[in-house]
Amino acid sequence: MKVQTHQVGGRLLAEILSDQVILGTVEDALDLIGNMSYQGFDGVMVYEHNVPPEFFVLRNRLAGEILQKFAQYALSLTLIGDFGPYASPSLRDFIRESNARGQIRFVSTLEEALR
């Protein structure tokens, strides 16, 4: 796993660069949160391919449990990708509500994530 550092508006953001699933379990989330917090990052950006497809099936609670850890430890998380293929009505609502709150965001591009 490679980390690309971005400085945006006084915040230090980590862009995770990996071809592997990084956030497959709650334990993965806690490891990433601890590692990134220890390094002084204010937020983490991961790509759609860094989470398993079941992350986008809300009824299994994986997304909720992982995202709750980021909120609990006050580390922002941005997921970057095309979420259209997973777009159930409940997922669309979840993404819209998450984006409105700002702690957890779903965006299409890195450029959008850095704004």
Protein backbone atom coordinates (compact mmCIF):
# COMPACT_ATOMS: atom_id res chain seq x y z
CA MET A 1 0.00 0.00 0.00
CA LYS A 2 1.38 3.37 -1.03
CA VAL A 3 0.22 6.66 0.48
CA GLN A 4 0.19 9.87 -1.54
CA THR A 5 0.03 12.96 0.69
CA HIS A 6 -2.13 15.97 -0.20
CA GLN A 7 -2.27 19.29 1.67
CA VAL A 8 -5.67 20.96 1.20
CA GLY A 9 -6.82 24.00 3.13
CA GLY A 10 -4.58 23.27 6.09
CA ARG A 11 -5.66 19.62 6.19
CA LEU A 12 -3.35 16.68 5.57
CA LEU A 13 -5.05 14.01 3.43
CA ALA A 14 -3.83 10.51 2.60
CA GLU A 15 -4.65 9.07 -0.80
CA ILE A 16 -4.33 5.29 -0.52
CA LEU A 17 -2.86 3.74 -3.66
CA SER A 18 -3.32 0.00 -3.83
CA ASP A 19 -4.83 -2.60 -6.12
CA GLN A 20 -5.97 -4.58 -3.06
CA VAL A 21 -9.06 -4.40 -0.88
CA ILE A 22 -8.04 -2.12 2.00
CA LEU A 23 -11.36 -1.86 3.85
CA GLY A 24 -12.81 -5.37 3.84
CA THR A 25 -13.52 -5.64 7.56
CA VAL A 26 -14.02 -3.43 10.60
CA GLU A 27 -10.57 -4.52 11.76
CA ASP A 28 -9.09 -3.26 8.46
CA ALA A 29 -10.76 0.09 9.11
CA LEU A 30 -9.39 0.29 12.65
CA ASP A 31 -5.88 -0.56 11.40
CA LEU A 32 -6.07 2.11 8.69
CA ILE A 33 -7.49 4.70 11.12
CA GLY A 34 -4.74 4.01 13.65
CA ASN A 35 -1.99 4.10 11.04
CA MET A 36 -3.20 7.29 9.34
CA SER A 37 -3.94 9.07 12.62
CA TYR A 38 -0.49 8.17 13.96
CA GLN A 39 1.02 9.73 10.83
CA GLY A 40 -0.95 12.95 11.43
CA PHE A 41 -3.49 12.71 8.62
CA ASP A 42 -6.85 14.45 8.96
CA GLY A 43 -8.54 12.39 6.28
CA VAL A 44 -8.19 9.34 4.07
CA MET A 45 -9.15 8.86 0.42
CA VAL A 46 -9.65 5.34 -0.94
CA TYR A 47 -10.88 4.10 -4.28
CA GLU A 48 -13.94 2.04 -5.03
CA HIS A 49 -11.79 -1.02 -5.78
CA ASN A 50 -10.31 -0.77 -2.26
CA VAL A 51 -13.60 -1.93 -0.73
CA PRO A 52 -15.34 -5.22 -1.49
CA PRO A 53 -18.58 -5.21 -3.54
CA GLU A 54 -20.55 -6.29 -0.47
CA PHE A 55 -19.66 -2.92 1.09
CA PHE A 56 -22.34 -1.43 -1.17
CA VAL A 57 -25.06 -3.83 0.02
CA LEU A 58 -26.35 -1.86 2.99
CA ARG A 59 -28.41 -4.67 4.52
CA ASN A 60 -25.23 -6.55 5.51
CA ARG A 61 -24.10 -3.53 7.63
CA LEU A 62 -20.46 -3.65 6.53
CA ALA A 63 -20.46 -0.07 5.22
CA GLY A 64 -22.24 1.24 8.30
CA GLU A 65 -19.84 -0.47 10.70
CA ILE A 66 -16.74 0.68 8.82
CA LEU A 67 -17.96 4.24 8.33
CA GLN A 68 -19.01 4.46 11.98
CA LYS A 69 -15.38 3.80 13.00
CA PHE A 70 -14.14 6.70 10.86
CA ALA A 71 -16.76 8.99 12.41
CA GLN A 72 -16.02 7.71 15.93
CA TYR A 73 -12.31 8.44 15.56
CA ALA A 74 -12.92 11.79 13.77
CA LEU A 75 -11.00 10.85 10.65
CA SER A 76 -12.74 11.84 7.43
CA LEU A 77 -13.10 9.25 4.68
CA THR A 78 -13.64 9.90 0.99
CA LEU A 79 -14.47 7.05 -1.36
CA ILE A 80 -13.61 7.76 -4.99
CA GLY A 81 -15.26 5.91 -7.85
CA ASP A 82 -18.32 5.15 -9.94
CA PHE A 83 -21.04 4.05 -7.55
CA GLY A 84 -23.75 3.85 -10.23
CA PRO A 85 -23.56 0.06 -10.66
CA TYR A 86 -24.45 -0.35 -6.96
CA ALA A 87 -27.14 2.32 -6.95
CA SER A 88 -30.08 0.86 -5.11
CA PRO A 89 -32.48 3.54 -3.86
CA SER A 90 -31.29 3.02 -0.29
CA LEU A 91 -27.63 3.31 -1.31
CA ARG A 92 -28.33 6.50 -3.27
CA ASP A 93 -30.01 7.95 -0.16
CA PHE A 94 -27.10 6.81 2.01
CA ILE A 95 -24.56 8.44 -0.32
CA ARG A 96 -26.57 11.68 -0.48
CA GLU A 97 -26.90 11.84 3.33
CA SER A 98 -23.21 11.03 3.85
CA ASN A 99 -22.12 13.71 1.40
CA ALA A 100 -24.39 16.27 3.09
CA ARG A 101 -22.78 15.63 6.47
CA GLY A 102 -19.23 15.81 5.07
CA GLN A 103 -17.38 13.39 7.40
CA ILE A 104 -17.83 10.55 4.90
CA ARG A 105 -18.01 11.46 1.22
CA PHE A 106 -18.55 9.61 -2.03
CA VAL A 107 -17.09 11.36 -5.09
CA SER A 108 -16.33 10.51 -8.71
CA THR A 109 -12.76 11.77 -9.08
CA LEU A 110 -9.66 12.62 -7.10
CA GLU A 111 -10.03 16.24 -8.21
CA GLU A 112 -13.50 16.34 -6.68
CA ALA A 113 -12.16 14.76 -3.50
CA LEU A 114 -9.50 17.44 -3.18
CA ARG A 115 -11.99 20.33 -3.44
